N, C-alpha and C. Protein backbone atom coordinates (compact mmCIF):
# COMPACT_ATOMS: atom_id res chain seq x y z
N MET A 1 -14.48 -22.66 -0.76
CA MET A 1 -13.81 -22.46 0.68
C MET A 1 -12.36 -21.62 0.69
N LEU A 2 -12.47 -21.20 2.03
CA LEU A 2 -10.99 -20.70 1.99
C LEU A 2 -10.03 -21.52 3.55
N SER A 3 -10.11 -22.21 3.44
CA SER A 3 -9.65 -23.17 4.10
C SER A 3 -9.40 -21.86 5.77
N ARG A 4 -7.85 -22.50 5.90
CA ARG A 4 -7.63 -21.50 6.84
C ARG A 4 -7.29 -19.78 6.76
N VAL A 5 -7.71 -19.32 5.69
CA VAL A 5 -7.34 -18.16 5.00
C VAL A 5 -9.01 -17.71 5.81
N SER A 6 -8.84 -16.63 6.63
CA SER A 6 -9.62 -16.32 7.46
C SER A 6 -10.44 -14.21 6.37
N VAL A 7 -11.11 -14.26 5.95
CA VAL A 7 -11.84 -13.04 5.54
C VAL A 7 -12.32 -12.10 6.56
N ILE A 8 -12.25 -11.34 7.00
CA ILE A 8 -13.46 -10.59 7.76
C ILE A 8 -14.08 -9.52 7.00
N VAL A 9 -14.83 -9.38 6.77
CA VAL A 9 -16.13 -8.32 6.28
C VAL A 9 -16.52 -7.71 7.39
N ALA A 10 -16.81 -6.05 7.69
CA ALA A 10 -17.29 -5.99 8.21
C ALA A 10 -19.02 -5.33 7.38
N LEU A 11 -19.91 -5.02 7.98
CA LEU A 11 -20.82 -4.14 6.95
C LEU A 11 -20.53 -2.68 7.23
N ALA A 12 -20.76 -1.29 6.55
CA ALA A 12 -20.55 0.03 6.17
C ALA A 12 -21.67 1.12 6.56
N GLY A 13 -22.66 -0.29 7.33
CA GLY A 13 -24.40 1.11 7.74
C GLY A 13 -23.26 1.28 9.19
N VAL A 14 -21.89 1.30 9.68
CA VAL A 14 -21.93 2.18 10.43
C VAL A 14 -21.53 3.71 9.92
N GLY A 15 -22.26 4.75 10.70
CA GLY A 15 -21.05 6.43 10.84
C GLY A 15 -19.85 6.16 11.34
N CYS A 16 -19.42 6.79 10.89
CA CYS A 16 -17.97 7.50 11.01
C CYS A 16 -17.30 8.64 11.16
N ALA A 17 -17.86 9.69 12.83
CA ALA A 17 -17.69 10.56 12.27
C ALA A 17 -16.30 11.32 12.56
N ALA A 18 -15.40 10.36 12.25
CA ALA A 18 -13.29 11.02 11.59
C ALA A 18 -12.81 10.59 10.17
N CYS A 19 -14.47 9.90 10.16
CA CYS A 19 -14.03 9.61 8.77
C CYS A 19 -14.68 10.47 6.91
N ASP A 20 -13.27 10.94 7.05
CA ASP A 20 -13.35 12.03 5.55
C ASP A 20 -13.61 11.35 4.30
N THR A 21 -14.75 10.91 3.68
CA THR A 21 -14.66 10.67 2.48
C THR A 21 -14.74 11.58 1.33
N SER A 22 -14.62 12.79 1.51
CA SER A 22 -14.76 14.23 0.23
C SER A 22 -13.53 13.96 -0.78
N ALA A 23 -12.70 13.02 -0.50
CA ALA A 23 -11.92 13.09 -1.68
C ALA A 23 -12.11 11.90 -2.56
N GLU A 24 -12.12 12.24 -3.77
CA GLU A 24 -11.46 10.70 -4.67
C GLU A 24 -11.60 9.20 -4.09
N PRO A 25 -11.45 7.89 -4.80
CA PRO A 25 -10.79 7.29 -4.18
C PRO A 25 -9.69 6.99 -5.58
N THR A 26 -7.85 6.97 -5.32
CA THR A 26 -6.95 6.84 -5.86
C THR A 26 -5.96 4.82 -6.24
N PRO A 27 -7.27 4.35 -5.78
CA PRO A 27 -5.76 3.10 -5.97
C PRO A 27 -5.54 2.60 -6.92
N THR A 28 -4.34 1.79 -7.70
CA THR A 28 -4.31 1.70 -9.15
C THR A 28 -3.33 0.45 -9.01
N THR A 29 -3.52 -0.14 -9.91
CA THR A 29 -2.64 -2.09 -9.58
C THR A 29 -1.41 -1.48 -10.06
N ALA A 30 -0.46 -2.37 -9.11
CA ALA A 30 0.99 -1.95 -8.55
C ALA A 30 1.23 -2.27 -9.70
N ILE A 31 2.81 -1.12 -10.13
CA ILE A 31 3.24 -0.99 -11.02
C ILE A 31 4.76 -1.78 -11.26
N PRO A 32 5.09 -2.07 -11.98
CA PRO A 32 6.80 -2.25 -11.97
C PRO A 32 7.57 -0.49 -11.94
N GLY A 33 8.91 -1.18 -11.47
CA GLY A 33 9.11 0.39 -11.51
C GLY A 33 9.13 1.27 -10.03
N ALA A 34 9.80 2.38 -10.39
CA ALA A 34 9.31 3.81 -9.67
C ALA A 34 7.75 4.12 -9.81
N VAL A 35 7.31 4.65 -8.50
CA VAL A 35 6.06 5.43 -8.48
C VAL A 35 6.39 7.18 -7.89
N GLU A 36 6.02 7.65 -8.03
CA GLU A 36 5.55 8.70 -7.72
C GLU A 36 5.42 9.29 -6.46
N ALA A 37 6.24 9.43 -5.01
CA ALA A 37 6.03 8.84 -3.75
C ALA A 37 5.57 10.95 -3.61
N ASN A 38 4.92 9.97 -2.10
CA ASN A 38 3.63 11.45 -1.52
C ASN A 38 3.79 11.31 -0.14
N ALA A 39 4.78 10.81 -0.33
CA ALA A 39 5.13 10.65 1.65
C ALA A 39 6.17 10.20 2.26
N THR A 40 7.17 10.28 3.42
CA THR A 40 7.81 9.42 3.72
C THR A 40 7.43 8.55 4.93
N VAL A 41 8.61 7.28 5.00
CA VAL A 41 7.93 6.84 6.57
C VAL A 41 8.52 7.56 7.19
N ASP A 42 8.19 7.42 8.93
CA ASP A 42 8.63 8.45 9.39
C ASP A 42 8.98 6.85 10.63
N PHE A 43 8.00 6.54 10.80
CA PHE A 43 8.19 4.85 12.00
C PHE A 43 7.41 4.09 11.03
N VAL A 44 7.91 2.26 12.07
CA VAL A 44 6.98 1.82 12.06
C VAL A 44 6.13 1.03 13.36
N ILE A 45 4.48 1.36 13.28
CA ILE A 45 4.33 1.06 14.89
C ILE A 45 4.09 -0.77 14.63
N ASP A 46 3.68 -1.05 13.28
CA ASP A 46 3.65 -2.76 13.59
C ASP A 46 3.36 -2.74 12.54
N GLY A 47 3.00 -4.29 12.29
CA GLY A 47 3.28 -5.05 10.70
C GLY A 47 2.34 -4.60 9.55
N ASP A 48 0.96 -3.88 10.25
CA ASP A 48 0.03 -3.18 9.64
C ASP A 48 -0.11 -1.68 9.72
N THR A 49 0.55 -1.25 10.53
CA THR A 49 0.58 0.72 10.36
C THR A 49 1.61 1.43 10.79
N ILE A 50 2.02 2.84 9.76
CA ILE A 50 3.20 3.43 9.86
C ILE A 50 2.58 4.60 10.55
N ASP A 51 4.25 4.96 10.43
CA ASP A 51 3.46 6.53 10.71
C ASP A 51 4.67 6.67 9.43
N ALA A 52 3.53 8.09 8.96
CA ALA A 52 4.54 8.59 7.73
C ALA A 52 4.40 10.12 7.18
N ILE A 53 5.50 11.02 6.48
CA ILE A 53 5.28 12.25 6.81
C ILE A 53 4.57 12.74 4.92
N ILE A 54 3.50 13.39 5.52
CA ILE A 54 3.13 14.18 3.94
C ILE A 54 2.60 15.57 4.46
N ASP A 55 3.01 16.18 3.46
CA ASP A 55 3.42 17.54 3.31
C ASP A 55 3.78 18.11 4.92
N GLY A 56 4.83 18.15 5.25
CA GLY A 56 5.44 18.42 6.84
C GLY A 56 4.98 17.72 7.79
N ARG A 57 3.60 17.13 7.64
CA ARG A 57 3.07 16.34 9.24
C ARG A 57 2.59 15.24 9.35
N GLU A 58 3.30 14.54 10.12
CA GLU A 58 2.91 13.39 10.72
C GLU A 58 1.87 12.75 10.00
N GLU A 59 1.66 11.21 9.62
CA GLU A 59 0.18 10.40 9.98
C GLU A 59 0.38 9.59 10.21
N ARG A 60 -0.36 8.87 11.10
CA ARG A 60 -1.16 7.24 10.88
C ARG A 60 -1.73 6.94 10.24
N ILE A 61 -1.07 6.11 9.79
CA ILE A 61 -1.89 5.56 8.92
C ILE A 61 -2.25 4.09 8.85
N ARG A 62 -2.96 3.10 8.29
CA ARG A 62 -3.41 1.77 8.48
C ARG A 62 -3.49 1.32 7.01
N LEU A 63 -3.06 0.42 6.72
CA LEU A 63 -2.63 -0.66 5.75
C LEU A 63 -3.73 -1.40 4.76
N ILE A 64 -4.45 -0.56 4.24
CA ILE A 64 -5.67 -1.19 4.04
C ILE A 64 -5.85 -2.51 3.03
N GLY A 65 -7.12 -3.40 3.78
CA GLY A 65 -6.64 -4.74 3.04
C GLY A 65 -6.37 -6.41 3.96
N ILE A 66 -5.36 -5.40 5.25
CA ILE A 66 -4.29 -6.85 5.92
C ILE A 66 -4.25 -6.57 7.64
N ASP A 67 -4.34 -7.98 8.00
CA ASP A 67 -4.42 -7.88 9.06
C ASP A 67 -3.43 -8.45 9.92
N THR A 68 -2.66 -8.64 10.54
CA THR A 68 -0.63 -8.67 10.91
C THR A 68 -0.98 -9.17 12.24
N PRO A 69 -0.65 -10.23 13.06
CA PRO A 69 -0.63 -9.73 14.24
C PRO A 69 -0.27 -9.08 15.45
N GLU A 70 -1.29 -8.74 16.70
CA GLU A 70 -1.16 -7.94 17.22
C GLU A 70 0.06 -7.64 17.96
N THR A 71 1.01 -6.58 18.54
CA THR A 71 1.43 -6.37 19.34
C THR A 71 2.08 -5.55 20.55
N LYS A 72 1.44 -4.99 19.77
CA LYS A 72 1.14 -3.35 20.41
C LYS A 72 -0.30 -3.19 21.48
N LYS A 73 -1.99 -4.39 21.19
CA LYS A 73 -2.75 -3.76 21.77
C LYS A 73 -3.09 -4.62 22.62
N PRO A 74 -3.19 -3.03 23.52
CA PRO A 74 -3.20 -2.86 25.05
C PRO A 74 -4.10 -4.38 25.65
N ASN A 75 -3.79 -4.66 26.84
CA ASN A 75 -4.46 -5.85 27.77
C ASN A 75 -4.62 -7.52 26.78
N SER A 76 -3.60 -7.35 25.55
CA SER A 76 -3.32 -8.48 24.44
C SER A 76 -1.97 -8.54 24.67
N PRO A 77 -2.17 -9.88 24.81
CA PRO A 77 -1.04 -10.76 24.12
C PRO A 77 -0.26 -10.88 23.58
N ILE A 78 1.12 -10.84 23.23
CA ILE A 78 1.73 -10.32 21.45
C ILE A 78 0.88 -12.23 20.97
N GLU A 79 0.63 -12.08 20.09
CA GLU A 79 0.46 -12.39 19.15
C GLU A 79 1.14 -13.76 17.92
N CYS A 80 1.08 -14.54 17.44
CA CYS A 80 1.95 -15.98 16.28
C CYS A 80 2.35 -14.83 15.40
N PHE A 81 3.75 -14.84 15.20
CA PHE A 81 3.97 -14.41 14.41
C PHE A 81 3.93 -12.71 14.17
N GLY A 82 3.57 -11.80 15.34
CA GLY A 82 3.36 -10.30 15.30
C GLY A 82 4.33 -9.99 14.82
N PRO A 83 5.84 -10.28 16.77
CA PRO A 83 6.85 -9.25 15.91
C PRO A 83 8.27 -9.83 14.57
N GLU A 84 7.36 -11.35 13.82
CA GLU A 84 8.35 -11.70 12.64
C GLU A 84 7.69 -9.82 11.62
N ALA A 85 6.28 -10.21 12.16
CA ALA A 85 5.11 -9.37 10.75
C ALA A 85 5.75 -7.18 10.38
N THR A 86 6.34 -7.73 12.41
CA THR A 86 6.71 -5.89 11.93
C THR A 86 7.89 -5.59 11.61
N ALA A 87 8.48 -6.97 11.99
CA ALA A 87 10.05 -6.46 11.20
C ALA A 87 10.18 -6.84 9.62
N PHE A 88 9.22 -7.96 8.91
CA PHE A 88 8.66 -7.44 7.63
C PHE A 88 8.13 -6.29 6.88
N THR A 89 7.68 -5.57 7.97
CA THR A 89 7.39 -4.23 7.48
C THR A 89 8.35 -3.92 6.96
N GLU A 90 8.84 -3.71 8.55
CA GLU A 90 10.32 -2.53 9.45
C GLU A 90 10.96 -2.59 7.60
N SER A 91 11.77 -3.91 7.62
CA SER A 91 12.42 -4.02 5.68
C SER A 91 12.19 -3.42 5.11
N LEU A 92 10.71 -3.83 4.65
CA LEU A 92 10.06 -3.47 3.47
C LEU A 92 10.30 -1.89 3.45
N LEU A 93 9.93 -0.99 4.50
CA LEU A 93 9.50 0.66 4.47
C LEU A 93 10.63 1.20 5.76
N PRO A 94 12.31 0.99 5.56
CA PRO A 94 12.63 1.49 6.76
C PRO A 94 12.38 2.85 6.80
N VAL A 95 12.76 3.58 7.93
CA VAL A 95 12.89 4.99 7.66
C VAL A 95 13.32 5.66 7.77
N GLY A 96 12.42 7.34 6.20
CA GLY A 96 13.20 7.76 5.58
C GLY A 96 12.48 6.99 3.62
N THR A 97 12.12 6.23 3.51
CA THR A 97 11.54 5.22 3.02
C THR A 97 10.67 6.34 2.51
N PRO A 98 10.85 7.01 0.70
CA PRO A 98 9.24 7.11 0.20
C PRO A 98 8.59 6.49 0.10
N ILE A 99 7.78 6.82 -0.39
CA ILE A 99 5.97 5.98 -0.34
C ILE A 99 5.33 6.38 -1.51
N ARG A 100 4.44 5.51 -2.04
CA ARG A 100 3.37 6.54 -2.25
C ARG A 100 1.94 5.66 -1.60
N ILE A 101 0.44 6.98 -0.96
CA ILE A 101 0.09 5.77 -0.54
C ILE A 101 -1.47 6.72 -1.22
N GLU A 102 -2.30 5.52 -1.24
CA GLU A 102 -3.44 5.75 -1.77
C GLU A 102 -4.44 5.38 -1.26
N ARG A 103 -5.16 6.67 -1.46
CA ARG A 103 -6.69 5.58 -0.97
C ARG A 103 -7.68 4.92 -1.85
N ASP A 104 -8.89 4.77 -0.34
CA ASP A 104 -10.02 4.04 -1.38
C ASP A 104 -10.83 4.65 -0.85
N THR A 105 -12.50 4.26 -0.74
CA THR A 105 -13.57 5.00 -0.53
C THR A 105 -13.23 5.92 0.44
N VAL A 106 -13.43 5.08 1.83
CA VAL A 106 -13.42 5.38 3.47
C VAL A 106 -11.33 6.26 3.34
N ASN A 107 -11.39 7.53 3.61
CA ASN A 107 -10.11 8.19 4.08
C ASN A 107 -9.07 7.27 5.24
N ARG A 108 -10.64 7.25 6.64
CA ARG A 108 -9.89 7.29 7.88
C ARG A 108 -10.97 6.38 8.71
N ASP A 109 -10.22 5.84 9.56
CA ASP A 109 -10.71 4.59 10.45
C ASP A 109 -11.44 5.73 12.16
N ASP A 110 -11.75 4.18 12.79
CA ASP A 110 -12.79 5.68 13.54
C ASP A 110 -11.67 6.24 14.95
N PHE A 111 -10.24 5.09 14.36
CA PHE A 111 -9.21 6.10 15.00
C PHE A 111 -9.18 7.35 15.25
N GLY A 112 -8.46 7.38 14.12
CA GLY A 112 -8.73 8.20 13.01
C GLY A 112 -7.29 8.85 12.31
N ARG A 113 -7.10 7.00 12.17
CA ARG A 113 -5.64 6.59 11.31
C ARG A 113 -6.30 7.03 9.63
N LEU A 114 -4.98 7.06 8.85
CA LEU A 114 -5.64 8.15 7.32
C LEU A 114 -5.43 6.02 6.79
N LEU A 115 -6.07 5.40 6.30
CA LEU A 115 -6.64 5.06 5.43
C LEU A 115 -5.89 4.56 4.33
N GLY A 116 -4.56 3.57 3.68
CA GLY A 116 -3.89 3.56 2.80
C GLY A 116 -3.54 2.15 2.25
N TYR A 117 -3.34 2.18 0.59
CA TYR A 117 -2.78 1.40 -0.24
C TYR A 117 -1.42 1.80 -0.06
N VAL A 118 -0.51 1.28 0.52
CA VAL A 118 1.62 1.39 0.50
C VAL A 118 2.44 1.04 -0.73
N TYR A 119 2.80 1.63 -1.54
CA TYR A 119 3.66 1.81 -2.16
C TYR A 119 4.94 1.81 -2.10
N ARG A 120 6.04 1.32 -1.89
CA ARG A 120 7.53 2.06 -1.39
C ARG A 120 7.55 2.86 -3.31
N ALA A 121 8.13 3.48 -3.13
CA ALA A 121 8.60 4.59 -4.59
C ALA A 121 9.38 3.89 -5.46
N GLU A 122 10.12 3.63 -5.01
CA GLU A 122 12.21 3.59 -5.14
C GLU A 122 11.40 1.86 -6.70
N ASP A 123 10.47 1.17 -6.35
CA ASP A 123 10.09 0.21 -7.05
C ASP A 123 9.04 -0.01 -7.16
N GLY A 124 7.85 0.51 -6.94
CA GLY A 124 6.88 -0.03 -7.11
C GLY A 124 5.99 -1.15 -6.18
N VAL A 125 6.42 -1.24 -4.98
CA VAL A 125 6.65 -2.58 -4.05
C VAL A 125 5.41 -2.29 -3.64
N PHE A 126 4.33 -3.16 -3.98
CA PHE A 126 3.19 -2.99 -3.17
C PHE A 126 2.76 -3.84 -1.67
N VAL A 127 3.41 -2.76 -0.30
CA VAL A 127 3.64 -3.51 0.26
C VAL A 127 1.99 -3.90 1.01
N ASN A 128 0.09 -3.42 1.01
CA ASN A 128 -0.33 -4.15 1.27
C ASN A 128 -0.20 -5.55 0.76
N TYR A 129 -0.19 -6.40 -0.19
CA TYR A 129 0.04 -7.59 -0.70
C TYR A 129 1.03 -7.91 -1.13
N GLU A 130 2.10 -7.27 -0.61
CA GLU A 130 3.77 -8.06 -0.37
C GLU A 130 3.45 -9.01 1.12
N THR A 131 2.88 -7.97 2.21
CA THR A 131 3.07 -8.78 3.11
C THR A 131 2.67 -9.77 3.54
N ILE A 132 0.96 -9.66 2.13
CA ILE A 132 -0.15 -11.28 2.22
C ILE A 132 0.83 -12.31 1.98
N ARG A 133 1.48 -11.90 0.51
CA ARG A 133 1.68 -12.76 0.08
C ARG A 133 3.26 -13.03 1.26
N GLN A 134 3.86 -12.63 1.10
CA GLN A 134 4.79 -13.18 1.88
C GLN A 134 4.61 -14.05 3.44
N GLY A 135 3.28 -14.16 3.74
CA GLY A 135 2.76 -14.67 4.49
C GLY A 135 2.56 -14.30 6.52
N PHE A 136 3.06 -13.14 6.58
CA PHE A 136 3.23 -12.07 7.94
C PHE A 136 1.66 -11.45 7.76
N ALA A 137 0.77 -11.59 6.99
CA ALA A 137 -0.64 -10.69 7.26
C ALA A 137 -2.36 -12.02 6.80
N THR A 138 -2.97 -12.13 7.31
CA THR A 138 -4.16 -12.46 6.34
C THR A 138 -4.69 -10.99 5.69
N PRO A 139 -5.74 -11.21 4.51
CA PRO A 139 -6.98 -10.64 4.17
C PRO A 139 -8.38 -9.53 5.29
N LEU A 140 -8.38 -8.37 5.62
CA LEU A 140 -9.23 -8.34 6.79
C LEU A 140 -9.59 -7.06 5.60
N SER A 141 -11.29 -7.59 4.95
CA SER A 141 -11.89 -6.88 3.95
C SER A 141 -12.85 -5.68 5.31
N ILE A 142 -13.35 -4.67 5.03
CA ILE A 142 -13.85 -3.64 5.75
C ILE A 142 -14.57 -2.84 4.74
N GLU A 143 -15.49 -2.60 4.05
CA GLU A 143 -16.49 -2.24 3.06
C GLU A 143 -16.62 -0.73 3.73
N PRO A 144 -16.19 0.03 2.57
CA PRO A 144 -16.19 0.47 1.63
C PRO A 144 -14.74 -0.37 0.73
N ASN A 145 -13.96 -0.43 1.05
CA ASN A 145 -12.32 -0.06 0.92
C ASN A 145 -12.34 -1.52 0.33
N THR A 146 -12.81 -2.43 -0.76
CA THR A 146 -12.25 -3.50 -0.70
C THR A 146 -11.54 -3.38 -1.87
N THR A 147 -11.35 -2.94 -2.53
CA THR A 147 -10.48 -2.53 -4.04
C THR A 147 -9.67 -3.69 -4.81
N TYR A 148 -8.92 -3.79 -3.54
CA TYR A 148 -8.32 -5.42 -4.26
C TYR A 148 -8.32 -6.35 -2.55
N ILE A 149 -9.66 -6.74 -2.62
CA ILE A 149 -10.28 -7.88 -1.52
C ILE A 149 -9.48 -9.07 -2.91
N ASP A 150 -10.26 -9.44 -3.34
CA ASP A 150 -9.66 -10.92 -4.26
C ASP A 150 -7.77 -11.12 -4.53
N LEU A 151 -7.59 -10.32 -4.73
CA LEU A 151 -6.39 -9.50 -4.60
C LEU A 151 -5.18 -10.68 -3.89
N PHE A 152 -6.16 -9.85 -2.56
CA PHE A 152 -5.64 -10.06 -1.33
C PHE A 152 -5.19 -11.75 -0.48
N VAL A 153 -7.02 -12.42 -0.81
CA VAL A 153 -7.09 -13.32 -0.82
C VAL A 153 -6.18 -14.55 -1.58
N ASP A 154 -6.26 -14.07 -2.75
CA ASP A 154 -5.01 -14.86 -3.52
C ASP A 154 -4.39 -15.29 -2.94
N ALA A 155 -3.75 -13.77 -2.61
CA ALA A 155 -1.97 -13.97 -2.39
C ALA A 155 -2.25 -14.58 -1.26
N ALA A 156 -3.19 -14.63 0.09
CA ALA A 156 -3.19 -15.34 1.50
C ALA A 156 -3.37 -16.72 0.77
N ARG A 157 -4.15 -16.98 -0.05
CA ARG A 157 -4.28 -18.20 -0.90
C ARG A 157 -2.49 -19.37 -0.72
N SER A 158 -2.13 -18.65 -1.58
CA SER A 158 -0.69 -18.38 -2.06
C SER A 158 0.04 -19.27 -1.00
N ALA A 159 0.17 -17.94 0.11
CA ALA A 159 0.91 -17.59 1.25
C ALA A 159 0.64 -19.58 1.72
N GLU A 160 -0.64 -19.60 2.34
CA GLU A 160 -0.73 -20.62 2.47
C GLU A 160 -1.05 -21.71 2.28
N SER A 161 -0.86 -22.18 1.14
CA SER A 161 -0.26 -23.45 0.02
C SER A 161 1.44 -23.35 -0.22
N ASP A 162 2.05 -22.17 0.35
CA ASP A 162 3.25 -22.23 0.38
C ASP A 162 3.61 -22.28 1.33
N ASP A 163 2.69 -22.52 3.26
CA ASP A 163 3.05 -22.74 4.10
C ASP A 163 4.55 -21.91 4.84
N VAL A 164 4.82 -21.12 3.90
CA VAL A 164 5.61 -19.70 3.87
C VAL A 164 5.01 -18.93 5.34
N GLY A 165 5.46 -18.22 6.48
CA GLY A 165 5.51 -17.05 7.74
C GLY A 165 4.54 -17.53 8.48
N LEU A 166 3.55 -17.04 8.40
CA LEU A 166 2.41 -17.34 10.17
C LEU A 166 2.20 -18.89 9.67
N TRP A 167 1.83 -18.79 8.58
CA TRP A 167 0.54 -20.68 8.28
C TRP A 167 2.37 -21.71 8.39
N SER A 168 3.03 -21.77 8.99
CA SER A 168 3.90 -22.18 8.81
C SER A 168 4.02 -22.10 10.55
N ALA A 169 4.08 -20.88 11.03
CA ALA A 169 4.18 -20.89 12.36
C ALA A 169 4.18 -20.86 13.91
N CYS A 170 2.56 -20.80 12.89
CA CYS A 170 1.19 -20.72 13.55
C CYS A 170 -0.07 -21.43 13.86
N LYS A 171 0.74 -22.45 13.69
CA LYS A 171 -0.67 -23.86 13.44
C LYS A 171 -1.21 -23.93 14.10
N GLU A 172 -2.25 -24.33 14.19
CA GLU A 172 -3.48 -24.61 15.43
C GLU A 172 -3.07 -25.97 16.15
């Protein structure tokens, strides 16, 4: 059992008109060292959503497999550790940072956001993983984009065990 680590799984039986699934998935494991950039950070929306410039066009990117506390959800209060999660993502991905975005099976969510695994190009840091491992996010698994779910669950267990981030600040 996962103790307080919550893994949310949504079944993929629901259609998604905004989802483009024509491209092949390209996720890879994190590689130490630089990776080839295919985008540049334009703005950090919150802990799990960024704007990036891809081929001269701005795209909103939702980081796959993670869920950070809400800070900008309409009609909702700011959640515990939400501002800290946003600040952490900003520290990993300052505006202008070259990044590599890799996709999984479904390319867009119901809100039209591009779904991606994000790597910082200069050193290959796997942002999705690091955000969970440092305690700023929990795993969020939505089928069929589950390539790294085991890695993310392990990272969350480690963060909880180490009592870091939201695991320390947001105890029930």
